[in-house]
Structure formats: C-alpha cells, structure tokens
Amino acid sequence: MSLRALNFVFFFSFLLSLIAFWDHQITNYLKEFVVLIHEICHATAALFTGGVVKGISLHGNEGGETIATPSSFRGSFILVVSAGYIGSSLVGGLLLRFGFQRRHTKQTMILFGLLLISISVLYSQLGDLAYFTGILWGVGILLLGMIGERISTISLVFLGTSISLYSLYDLSDFAERITETDAGILAFWMAGLTPEDLESSNPPFYVIFLGYLIASLWSILSISIILFFLKASLFHPEELDLPLEEDLDIREEEFPFDPELDEPLPPTSLPSRERTFY
C-alpha cells in the first residue's frame, strides 16, 4: 500500500470512529482534553503577548475558563481571545502534519506531553479537572512517545484528527449562544461595554451582529487552517516517503557489513561516471 493510501486509511478510520462514538461516555474524556487545548491556547497567547496567566479550569460540561491579565497594549486582548478557536485548529493541523510526515514523531510526542504536564502543574489548581486532565493525558502522550516511532506516528494522527474535528464542532456554539462564547466576549469589549453587561439577557443588536461577524471570521480561519494542513499532508506524498527509524534498523540487520567481503572496489575498476564521486 502506498504512503498516500495509508495516510488516507489512518485519517478516515480515526475520523469515522470519532463520529460514530461522538456521544459515547469514552469520548467525553477526549472532549475535555480538547477543551483543555483550547484554554492552553488562550494562556499561551497571553504569555507571548506579555500578559499574566492566573489560572486554567475546566467545568466538566465541555466548557472551560482561562483567567489572564493581558499586557497593556490594546491589541493583546484581541489576540488572547482569538487564540482559543484558531489556536486549537492550528494545534490539530500541526499534529496531523507531523504524524503524516513521519519525521521526529517521538520527539514531538514527548515535547507535547511535557508541555501538557508543565502547563497543568503551573496554571491549574491541584485536584481540579483541568489538573488531572492535563497530567493524565500528558503522561500518556509522553509514554507513547517513548515507545517508538510507529506508535508515535499513529498517536499524532489520532490526536490531530480529534483536535481538528472538535475544533470544527466547537464552532457550532456560535449558532446557539453567541454572547456566551469568546466571540461574544470580544464583541462586548470592542463595543466598549463592561464585563457586567455580559450578564444582560437583552444585549444590544449591534453587539450580537459584531459577535456573529467575529465568529464568521474565526470559522473561516479555523476551517482554512485545517484544510491547509490536510491538503499538505494527504496530497503531497513525495515529501513523506521517509522510512521510520525501526525500518532503517531492520534493513541494517538484514544486510550487515562485512569488512572482509564488502571491501570497496579500487578506483580503477569503477566506471568513470562513478569515479567522480569516489
């Protein structure tokens, strides 16, 4: 089976399995993990823009919260609030790309696991759902990365597919309760309203309109990011024809080098075309 066909099989097998078991209890643990990734993207954006992260929490109902103080410059708040949906799509796309490339998959899994553990310890409260979710998933990902390239490759494709799918599913929140989403929060902020106005049952029409405008822009960006990485991963197999480390080891064992039998030919016996590279 060609590498392109194998990539398609992996991706669509995981995709169809996730869709089939989307409402199953087991998938809830995966959903909470992806919600944690969403919140980590908020926190990362706050840190990179010079802000301070005070805490990350999960509510247990596929909702979460990142408490952060953005830096003083005005645009930082926009970046931090936008990072949740767009960042999740970017993480899912990158994991898919690394998995399909089959390059440095062990290192990617190990670094990803360490990142989850570190952020959970630093920014979530001991004993909270966010803490246990980050630690357990981080340790699991770390151990899978230590096993080998093959399991790391499969794990990256699975994680990338899961995060990408939930990122798209998460966009459906905009259709139901726009004022309670990140887009609604940003719309209230851009309109110059206070946090107390978020509790209003009748927000101004222009705020709702602005919220849907922001949500549409985020949706287009998120879908474009995922499609970009899928196209780059599934339809450009010439970049992916690299053997795994285990494959190289097996080939070396099958054809061991014997210095007595495998002596290189003298320069005079080589064709002139090859002698240039000797």
C-alpha atoms as a PDB file:
ATOM      1  CA  MET A   1       0.000   0.000   0.000  1.00  0.00           C
ATOM      2  CA  SER A   2       1.356   3.422  -0.941  1.00  0.00           C
ATOM      3  CA  LEU A   3       2.050   6.027   1.692  1.00  0.00           C
ATOM      4  CA  ARG A   4      -0.721   8.273   0.395  1.00  0.00           C
ATOM      5  CA  ALA A   5      -3.256   5.441   0.664  1.00  0.00           C
ATOM      6  CA  LEU A   6      -2.014   4.585   4.146  1.00  0.00           C
ATOM      7  CA  ASN A   7      -2.444   8.202   5.241  1.00  0.00           C
ATOM      8  CA  PHE A   8      -5.992   8.225   3.927  1.00  0.00           C
ATOM      9  CA  VAL A   9      -6.794   4.969   5.730  1.00  0.00           C
ATOM     10  CA  PHE A  10      -5.435   6.250   9.053  1.00  0.00           C
ATOM     11  CA  PHE A  11      -7.154   9.610   8.842  1.00  0.00           C
ATOM     12  CA  PHE A  12     -10.600   8.426   7.721  1.00  0.00           C
ATOM     13  CA  SER A  13     -10.563   5.449  10.102  1.00  0.00           C
ATOM     14  CA  PHE A  14      -9.999   7.753  13.054  1.00  0.00           C
ATOM     15  CA  LEU A  15     -12.455  10.326  11.692  1.00  0.00           C
ATOM     16  CA  LEU A  16     -15.298   7.841  11.187  1.00  0.00           C
ATOM     17  CA  SER A  17     -14.626   6.187  14.552  1.00  0.00           C
ATOM     18  CA  LEU A  18     -14.792   9.518  16.363  1.00  0.00           C
ATOM     19  CA  ILE A  19     -18.021  10.468  14.611  1.00  0.00           C
ATOM     20  CA  ALA A  20     -19.580   7.064  15.381  1.00  0.00           C
ATOM     21  CA  PHE A  21     -18.740   7.272  19.104  1.00  0.00           C
ATOM     22  CA  TRP A  22     -19.139  11.053  19.434  1.00  0.00           C
ATOM     23  CA  ASP A  23     -21.844  10.818  22.124  1.00  0.00           C
ATOM     24  CA  HIS A  24     -20.303   7.848  23.950  1.00  0.00           C
ATOM     25  CA  GLN A  25     -19.023   8.276  27.507  1.00  0.00           C
ATOM     26  CA  ILE A  26     -15.465   7.379  26.451  1.00  0.00           C
ATOM     27  CA  THR A  27     -15.360  10.282  24.013  1.00  0.00           C
ATOM     28  CA  ASN A  28     -16.165  12.730  26.823  1.00  0.00           C
ATOM     29  CA  TYR A  29     -12.634  12.320  28.189  1.00  0.00           C
ATOM     30  CA  LEU A  30     -11.290  13.184  24.754  1.00  0.00           C
ATOM     31  CA  LYS A  31     -13.569  16.234  24.525  1.00  0.00           C
ATOM     32  CA  GLU A  32     -12.353  17.541  27.884  1.00  0.00           C
ATOM     33  CA  PHE A  33      -8.788  17.120  26.641  1.00  0.00           C
ATOM     34  CA  VAL A  34      -9.506  19.200  23.532  1.00  0.00           C
ATOM     35  CA  VAL A  35     -11.229  21.857  25.659  1.00  0.00           C
ATOM     36  CA  LEU A  36      -8.026  21.978  27.718  1.00  0.00           C
ATOM     37  CA  ILE A  37      -6.050  22.553  24.493  1.00  0.00           C
ATOM     38  CA  HIS A  38      -8.435  25.426  23.704  1.00  0.00           C
ATOM     39  CA  GLU A  39      -7.743  27.003  27.099  1.00  0.00           C
ATOM     40  CA  ILE A  40      -3.995  26.412  26.811  1.00  0.00           C
ATOM     41  CA  CYS A  41      -4.050  28.343  23.524  1.00  0.00           C
ATOM     42  CA  HIS A  42      -5.616  31.299  25.365  1.00  0.00           C
ATOM     43  CA  ALA A  43      -2.961  31.063  28.077  1.00  0.00           C
ATOM     44  CA  THR A  44      -0.104  30.741  25.586  1.00  0.00           C
ATOM     45  CA  ALA A  45      -1.271  33.822  23.676  1.00  0.00           C
ATOM     46  CA  ALA A  46      -1.461  35.775  26.942  1.00  0.00           C
ATOM     47  CA  LEU A  47       2.087  34.773  27.892  1.00  0.00           C
ATOM     48  CA  PHE A  48       3.535  35.510  24.448  1.00  0.00           C
ATOM     49  CA  THR A  49       1.978  38.974  24.421  1.00  0.00           C
ATOM     50  CA  GLY A  50       3.451  39.828  27.819  1.00  0.00           C
ATOM     51  CA  GLY A  51       0.388  39.084  29.922  1.00  0.00           C
ATOM     52  CA  VAL A  52      -0.029  37.069  33.118  1.00  0.00           C
ATOM     53  CA  VAL A  53      -1.958  33.780  33.393  1.00  0.00           C
ATOM     54  CA  LYS A  54      -3.657  33.317  36.757  1.00  0.00           C
ATOM     55  CA  GLY A  55      -5.371  30.004  36.177  1.00  0.00           C
ATOM     56  CA  ILE A  56      -6.909  27.440  33.818  1.00  0.00           C
ATOM     57  CA  SER A  57     -10.009  25.464  34.741  1.00  0.00           C
ATOM     58  CA  LEU A  58     -12.462  23.032  33.145  1.00  0.00           C
ATOM     59  CA  HIS A  59     -16.145  22.972  34.041  1.00  0.00           C
ATOM     60  CA  GLY A  60     -16.854  19.353  33.127  1.00  0.00           C
ATOM     61  CA  ASN A  61     -19.536  20.251  30.560  1.00  0.00           C
ATOM     62  CA  GLU A  62     -17.212  20.791  27.592  1.00  0.00           C
ATOM     63  CA  GLY A  63     -16.578  24.301  28.858  1.00  0.00           C
ATOM     64  CA  GLY A  64     -13.506  25.904  30.337  1.00  0.00           C
ATOM     65  CA  GLU A  65     -12.066  29.153  31.569  1.00  0.00           C
ATOM     66  CA  THR A  66      -8.702  30.876  31.399  1.00  0.00           C
ATOM     67  CA  ILE A  67      -8.148  33.730  33.817  1.00  0.00           C
ATOM     68  CA  ALA A  68      -5.448  36.023  32.462  1.00  0.00           C
ATOM     69  CA  THR A  69      -4.378  39.644  32.551  1.00  0.00           C
ATOM     70  CA  PRO A  70      -3.362  40.746  29.042  1.00  0.00           C
ATOM     71  CA  SER A  71      -0.500  43.152  28.534  1.00  0.00           C
ATOM     72  CA  SER A  72      -1.088  46.878  28.314  1.00  0.00           C
ATOM     73  CA  PHE A  73      -1.178  47.265  24.533  1.00  0.00           C
ATOM     74  CA  ARG A  74      -4.710  47.218  23.151  1.00  0.00           C
ATOM     75  CA  GLY A  75      -4.304  44.504  20.553  1.00  0.00           C
ATOM     76  CA  SER A  76      -3.197  41.880  23.073  1.00  0.00           C
ATOM     77  CA  PHE A  77      -6.760  41.244  24.270  1.00  0.00           C
ATOM     78  CA  ILE A  78      -7.890  40.548  20.712  1.00  0.00           C
ATOM     79  CA  LEU A  79      -5.048  38.049  20.225  1.00  0.00           C
ATOM     80  CA  VAL A  80      -5.690  36.292  23.525  1.00  0.00           C
ATOM     81  CA  VAL A  81      -9.440  35.911  22.980  1.00  0.00           C
ATOM     82  CA  SER A  82      -8.979  34.802  19.355  1.00  0.00           C
ATOM     83  CA  ALA A  83      -6.353  32.203  20.239  1.00  0.00           C
ATOM     84  CA  GLY A  84      -8.831  29.635  21.579  1.00  0.00           C
ATOM     85  CA  TYR A  85     -10.604  28.588  18.383  1.00  0.00           C
ATOM     86  CA  ILE A  86      -7.855  29.479  15.936  1.00  0.00           C
ATOM     87  CA  GLY A  87      -5.101  28.020  18.127  1.00  0.00           C
ATOM     88  CA  SER A  88      -6.927  24.699  18.543  1.00  0.00           C
ATOM     89  CA  SER A  89      -7.229  24.359  14.773  1.00  0.00           C
ATOM     90  CA  LEU A  90      -3.550  25.181  14.409  1.00  0.00           C
ATOM     91  CA  VAL A  91      -2.524  22.578  17.004  1.00  0.00           C
ATOM     92  CA  GLY A  92      -4.703  19.915  15.368  1.00  0.00           C
ATOM     93  CA  GLY A  93      -3.344  20.703  11.912  1.00  0.00           C
ATOM     94  CA  LEU A  94       0.281  20.684  13.075  1.00  0.00           C
ATOM     95  CA  LEU A  95      -0.087  17.336  14.841  1.00  0.00           C
ATOM     96  CA  LEU A  96      -1.636  15.861  11.698  1.00  0.00           C
ATOM     97  CA  ARG A  97       1.206  17.251   9.608  1.00  0.00           C
ATOM     98  CA  PHE A  98       3.913  15.871  11.903  1.00  0.00           C
ATOM     99  CA  GLY A  99       2.187  12.489  12.016  1.00  0.00           C
ATOM    100  CA  PHE A 100       1.815  12.206   8.250  1.00  0.00           C
ATOM    101  CA  GLN A 101       5.375  13.396   7.659  1.00  0.00           C
ATOM    102  CA  ARG A 102       6.702  10.624   9.918  1.00  0.00           C
ATOM    103  CA  ARG A 103       9.553  12.888  10.944  1.00  0.00           C
ATOM    104  CA  HIS A 104      10.615  13.344  14.564  1.00  0.00           C
ATOM    105  CA  THR A 105       7.334  11.868  15.787  1.00  0.00           C
ATOM    106  CA  LYS A 106       8.838  10.560  19.029  1.00  0.00           C
ATOM    107  CA  GLN A 107      10.314  13.950  19.860  1.00  0.00           C
ATOM    108  CA  THR A 108       7.027  15.684  19.007  1.00  0.00           C
ATOM    109  CA  MET A 109       5.031  13.376  21.285  1.00  0.00           C
ATOM    110  CA  ILE A 110       7.487  13.748  24.155  1.00  0.00           C
ATOM    111  CA  LEU A 111       7.570  17.552  23.890  1.00  0.00           C
ATOM    112  CA  PHE A 112       3.775  17.713  23.619  1.00  0.00           C
ATOM    113  CA  GLY A 113       3.383  15.525  26.713  1.00  0.00           C
ATOM    114  CA  LEU A 114       5.877  17.589  28.703  1.00  0.00           C
ATOM    115  CA  LEU A 115       4.115  20.793  27.664  1.00  0.00           C
ATOM    116  CA  LEU A 116       0.748  19.490  28.880  1.00  0.00           C
ATOM    117  CA  ILE A 117       2.209  18.392  32.214  1.00  0.00           C
ATOM    118  CA  SER A 118       4.076  21.661  32.742  1.00  0.00           C
ATOM    119  CA  ILE A 119       1.102  23.916  31.991  1.00  0.00           C
ATOM    120  CA  SER A 120      -1.221  21.803  34.140  1.00  0.00           C
ATOM    121  CA  VAL A 121       1.141  21.995  37.104  1.00  0.00           C
ATOM    122  CA  LEU A 122       1.821  25.711  36.714  1.00  0.00           C
ATOM    123  CA  TYR A 123      -1.602  27.099  35.867  1.00  0.00           C
ATOM    124  CA  SER A 124      -4.296  24.721  37.139  1.00  0.00           C
ATOM    125  CA  GLN A 125      -5.254  24.102  40.731  1.00  0.00           C
ATOM    126  CA  LEU A 126      -4.215  20.832  42.325  1.00  0.00           C
ATOM    127  CA  GLY A 127      -7.131  18.409  42.274  1.00  0.00           C
ATOM    128  CA  ASP A 128      -9.181  20.259  39.658  1.00  0.00           C
ATOM    129  CA  LEU A 129     -10.441  18.618  36.476  1.00  0.00           C
ATOM    130  CA  ALA A 130      -8.011  20.663  34.376  1.00  0.00           C
ATOM    131  CA  TYR A 131      -5.116  19.444  36.536  1.00  0.00           C
ATOM    132  CA  PHE A 132      -5.988  15.758  36.263  1.00  0.00           C
ATOM    133  CA  THR A 133      -6.853  16.030  32.564  1.00  0.00           C
ATOM    134  CA  GLY A 134      -3.535  17.666  31.711  1.00  0.00           C
ATOM    135  CA  ILE A 135      -1.439  15.345  33.890  1.00  0.00           C
ATOM    136  CA  LEU A 136      -3.066  12.083  32.751  1.00  0.00           C
ATOM    137  CA  TRP A 137      -3.087  12.963  29.055  1.00  0.00           C
ATOM    138  CA  GLY A 138       0.407  14.430  29.304  1.00  0.00           C
ATOM    139  CA  VAL A 139       1.848  11.319  30.954  1.00  0.00           C
ATOM    140  CA  GLY A 140       0.054   9.056  28.456  1.00  0.00           C
ATOM    141  CA  ILE A 141       1.355  11.013  25.473  1.00  0.00           C
ATOM    142  CA  LEU A 142       4.843  11.086  26.989  1.00  0.00           C
ATOM    143  CA  LEU A 143       4.897   7.301  27.460  1.00  0.00           C
ATOM    144  CA  LEU A 144       3.606   6.652  23.945  1.00  0.00           C
ATOM    145  CA  GLY A 145       6.360   8.882  22.590  1.00  0.00           C
ATOM    146  CA  MET A 146       8.973   6.829  24.427  1.00  0.00           C
ATOM    147  CA  ILE A 147       7.758   3.529  22.938  1.00  0.00           C
ATOM    148  CA  GLY A 148       8.765   4.158  19.343  1.00  0.00           C
ATOM    149  CA  GLU A 149       8.244   5.878  16.023  1.00  0.00           C
ATOM    150  CA  ARG A 150       5.360   3.738  14.784  1.00  0.00           C
ATOM    151  CA  ILE A 151       3.092   4.233  17.794  1.00  0.00           C
ATOM    152  CA  SER A 152       4.063   7.916  17.907  1.00  0.00           C
ATOM    153  CA  THR A 153       3.070   8.375  14.262  1.00  0.00           C
ATOM    154  CA  ILE A 154      -0.335   6.738  14.798  1.00  0.00           C
ATOM    155  CA  SER A 155      -0.883   8.703  18.013  1.00  0.00           C
ATOM    156  CA  LEU A 156      -0.108  12.036  16.353  1.00  0.00           C
ATOM    157  CA  VAL A 157      -2.565  11.339  13.541  1.00  0.00           C
ATOM    158  CA  PHE A 158      -5.226  10.337  16.092  1.00  0.00           C
ATOM    159  CA  LEU A 159      -4.642  13.404  18.269  1.00  0.00           C
ATOM    160  CA  GLY A 160      -4.534  15.727  15.274  1.00  0.00           C
ATOM    161  CA  THR A 161      -7.757  14.265  13.866  1.00  0.00           C
ATOM    162  CA  SER A 162      -9.504  14.517  17.253  1.00  0.00           C
ATOM    163  CA  ILE A 163      -8.477  18.113  17.941  1.00  0.00           C
ATOM    164  CA  SER A 164      -9.286  19.226  14.386  1.00  0.00           C
ATOM    165  CA  LEU A 165     -12.713  17.562  14.431  1.00  0.00           C
ATOM    166  CA  TYR A 166     -13.664  19.022  17.803  1.00  0.00           C
ATOM    167  CA  SER A 167     -12.392  22.438  16.746  1.00  0.00           C
ATOM    168  CA  LEU A 168     -14.861  22.374  13.861  1.00  0.00           C
ATOM    169  CA  TYR A 169     -17.624  21.017  16.095  1.00  0.00           C
ATOM    170  CA  ASP A 170     -16.910  23.751  18.632  1.00  0.00           C
ATOM    171  CA  LEU A 171     -17.777  26.374  16.036  1.00  0.00           C
ATOM    172  CA  SER A 172     -21.428  25.304  16.333  1.00  0.00           C
ATOM    173  CA  ASP A 173     -21.562  27.186  19.658  1.00  0.00           C
ATOM    174  CA  PHE A 174     -21.723  30.395  17.646  1.00  0.00           C
ATOM    175  CA  ALA A 175     -25.113  29.429  16.225  1.00  0.00           C
ATOM    176  CA  GLU A 176     -26.737  28.855  19.615  1.00  0.00           C
ATOM    177  CA  ARG A 177     -25.335  31.269  22.227  1.00  0.00           C
ATOM    178  CA  ILE A 178     -23.099  33.811  20.598  1.00  0.00           C
ATOM    179  CA  THR A 179     -22.966  36.148  23.616  1.00  0.00           C
ATOM    180  CA  GLU A 180     -21.576  33.373  25.844  1.00  0.00           C
ATOM    181  CA  THR A 181     -18.710  32.492  23.508  1.00  0.00           C
ATOM    182  CA  ASP A 182     -15.296  34.073  23.033  1.00  0.00           C
ATOM    183  CA  ALA A 183     -16.719  35.923  20.018  1.00  0.00           C
ATOM    184  CA  GLY A 184     -19.396  37.469  22.223  1.00  0.00           C
ATOM    185  CA  ILE A 185     -16.832  38.474  24.853  1.00  0.00           C
ATOM    186  CA  LEU A 186     -14.701  40.152  22.201  1.00  0.00           C
ATOM    187  CA  ALA A 187     -17.754  41.875  20.722  1.00  0.00           C
ATOM    188  CA  PHE A 188     -18.700  43.334  24.116  1.00  0.00           C
ATOM    189  CA  TRP A 189     -15.133  44.511  24.639  1.00  0.00           C
ATOM    190  CA  MET A 190     -14.872  46.109  21.202  1.00  0.00           C
ATOM    191  CA  ALA A 191     -18.196  47.876  21.818  1.00  0.00           C
ATOM    192  CA  GLY A 192     -16.759  49.426  24.979  1.00  0.00           C
ATOM    193  CA  LEU A 193     -19.152  47.629  27.345  1.00  0.00           C
ATOM    194  CA  THR A 194     -18.247  46.395  30.806  1.00  0.00           C
ATOM    195  CA  PRO A 195     -17.966  42.750  31.947  1.00  0.00           C
ATOM    196  CA  GLU A 196     -21.237  43.180  33.855  1.00  0.00           C
ATOM    197  CA  ASP A 197     -23.011  43.787  30.547  1.00  0.00           C
ATOM    198  CA  LEU A 198     -22.253  40.186  29.594  1.00  0.00           C
ATOM    199  CA  GLU A 199     -24.897  39.098  32.094  1.00  0.00           C
ATOM    200  CA  SER A 200     -27.572  41.086  30.319  1.00  0.00           C
ATOM    201  CA  SER A 201     -30.387  38.990  28.875  1.00  0.00           C
ATOM    202  CA  ASN A 202     -31.005  41.553  26.123  1.00  0.00           C
ATOM    203  CA  PRO A 203     -27.661  42.645  24.686  1.00  0.00           C
ATOM    204  CA  PRO A 204     -27.683  45.418  22.060  1.00  0.00           C
ATOM    205  CA  PHE A 205     -28.292  44.328  18.484  1.00  0.00           C
ATOM    206  CA  TYR A 206     -25.022  45.784  17.245  1.00  0.00           C
ATOM    207  CA  VAL A 207     -23.121  43.649  19.790  1.00  0.00           C
ATOM    208  CA  ILE A 208     -24.823  40.481  18.544  1.00  0.00           C
ATOM    209  CA  PHE A 209     -24.121  41.464  14.943  1.00  0.00           C
ATOM    210  CA  LEU A 210     -20.462  42.155  15.758  1.00  0.00           C
ATOM    211  CA  GLY A 211     -20.257  38.816  17.589  1.00  0.00           C
ATOM    212  CA  TYR A 212     -21.517  36.927  14.539  1.00  0.00           C
ATOM    213  CA  LEU A 213     -19.090  38.850  12.344  1.00  0.00           C
ATOM    214  CA  ILE A 214     -16.178  37.841  14.579  1.00  0.00           C
ATOM    215  CA  ALA A 215     -17.442  34.258  14.746  1.00  0.00           C
ATOM    216  CA  SER A 216     -17.649  34.078  10.948  1.00  0.00           C
ATOM    217  CA  LEU A 217     -14.080  35.307  10.590  1.00  0.00           C
ATOM    218  CA  TRP A 218     -12.786  32.795  13.150  1.00  0.00           C
ATOM    219  CA  SER A 219     -14.720  29.989  11.485  1.00  0.00           C
ATOM    220  CA  ILE A 220     -13.238  30.786   8.071  1.00  0.00           C
ATOM    221  CA  LEU A 221      -9.720  30.945   9.529  1.00  0.00           C
ATOM    222  CA  SER A 222     -10.125  27.714  11.522  1.00  0.00           C
ATOM    223  CA  ILE A 223     -11.513  25.743   8.583  1.00  0.00           C
ATOM    224  CA  SER A 224      -8.838  27.158   6.267  1.00  0.00           C
ATOM    225  CA  ILE A 225      -6.046  26.168   8.662  1.00  0.00           C
ATOM    226  CA  ILE A 226      -7.278  22.577   8.948  1.00  0.00           C
ATOM    227  CA  LEU A 227      -7.831  22.245   5.190  1.00  0.00           C
ATOM    228  CA  PHE A 228      -4.368  23.663   4.526  1.00  0.00           C
ATOM    229  CA  PHE A 229      -2.654  21.059   6.700  1.00  0.00           C
ATOM    230  CA  LEU A 230      -4.836  18.235   5.380  1.00  0.00           C
ATOM    231  CA  LYS A 231      -4.029  19.150   1.791  1.00  0.00           C
ATOM    232  CA  ALA A 232      -0.325  19.455   2.565  1.00  0.00           C
ATOM    233  CA  SER A 233      -0.314  16.112   4.378  1.00  0.00           C
ATOM    234  CA  LEU A 234      -2.564  13.933   2.229  1.00  0.00           C
ATOM    235  CA  PHE A 235      -1.902  15.232  -1.273  1.00  0.00           C
ATOM    236  CA  HIS A 236       1.872  15.740  -1.239  1.00  0.00           C
ATOM    237  CA  PRO A 237       3.217  12.254  -0.521  1.00  0.00           C
ATOM    238  CA  GLU A 238       6.527  12.920  -2.252  1.00  0.00           C
ATOM    239  CA  GLU A 239       7.619  14.762   0.885  1.00  0.00           C
ATOM    240  CA  LEU A 240       6.651  11.852   3.099  1.00  0.00           C
ATOM    241  CA  ASP A 241       8.490   8.892   1.614  1.00  0.00           C
ATOM    242  CA  LEU A 242      10.832   8.579   4.544  1.00  0.00           C
ATOM    243  CA  PRO A 243      11.408   5.258   6.343  1.00  0.00           C
ATOM    244  CA  LEU A 244      10.896   5.052  10.071  1.00  0.00           C
ATOM    245  CA  GLU A 245      13.891   4.554  12.335  1.00  0.00           C
ATOM    246  CA  GLU A 246      12.782   0.966  13.013  1.00  0.00           C
ATOM    247  CA  ASP A 247      12.765   0.289   9.261  1.00  0.00           C
ATOM    248  CA  LEU A 248      16.346   1.541   8.947  1.00  0.00           C
ATOM    249  CA  ASP A 249      17.452  -0.673  11.819  1.00  0.00           C
ATOM    250  CA  ILE A 250      15.807  -3.723  10.244  1.00  0.00           C
ATOM    251  CA  ARG A 251      17.467  -3.076   6.881  1.00  0.00           C
ATOM    252  CA  GLU A 252      20.863  -2.715   8.504  1.00  0.00           C
ATOM    253  CA  GLU A 253      20.372  -6.048  10.277  1.00  0.00           C
ATOM    254  CA  GLU A 254      19.306  -7.757   7.047  1.00  0.00           C
ATOM    255  CA  PHE A 255      22.401  -6.505   5.198  1.00  0.00           C
ATOM    256  CA  PRO A 256      25.250  -6.382   7.729  1.00  0.00           C
ATOM    257  CA  PHE A 257      28.563  -5.005   6.578  1.00  0.00           C
ATOM    258  CA  ASP A 258      31.394  -7.498   6.469  1.00  0.00           C
ATOM    259  CA  PRO A 259      34.768  -5.737   6.040  1.00  0.00           C
ATOM    260  CA  GLU A 260      36.353  -8.870   4.541  1.00  0.00           C
ATOM    261  CA  LEU A 261      33.663  -9.490   1.948  1.00  0.00           C
ATOM    262  CA  ASP A 262      32.422  -5.948   1.339  1.00  0.00           C
ATOM    263  CA  GLU A 263      35.656  -4.194   0.529  1.00  0.00           C
ATOM    264  CA  PRO A 264      35.145  -1.228  -1.801  1.00  0.00           C
ATOM    265  CA  LEU A 265      36.321  -1.634  -5.364  1.00  0.00           C
ATOM    266  CA  PRO A 266      39.591   0.110  -6.261  1.00  0.00           C
ATOM    267  CA  PRO A 267      39.218   3.394  -8.110  1.00  0.00           C
ATOM    268  CA  THR A 268      40.477   1.940 -11.378  1.00  0.00           C
ATOM    269  CA  SER A 269      37.666  -0.619 -11.531  1.00  0.00           C
ATOM    270  CA  LEU A 270      34.899   1.961 -11.193  1.00  0.00           C
ATOM    271  CA  PRO A 271      33.213   3.451 -14.253  1.00  0.00           C
ATOM    272  CA  SER A 272      34.340   6.968 -14.973  1.00  0.00           C
ATOM    273  CA  ARG A 273      30.908   8.360 -14.100  1.00  0.00           C
ATOM    274  CA  GLU A 274      31.080   6.880 -10.581  1.00  0.00           C
ATOM    275  CA  ARG A 275      34.768   7.623 -10.033  1.00  0.00           C
ATOM    276  CA  THR A 276      33.953  11.305  -9.771  1.00  0.00           C
ATOM    277  CA  PHE A 277      32.015  10.626  -6.524  1.00  0.00           C
ATOM    278  CA  TYR A 278      34.551   8.205  -5.012  1.00  0.00           C
END
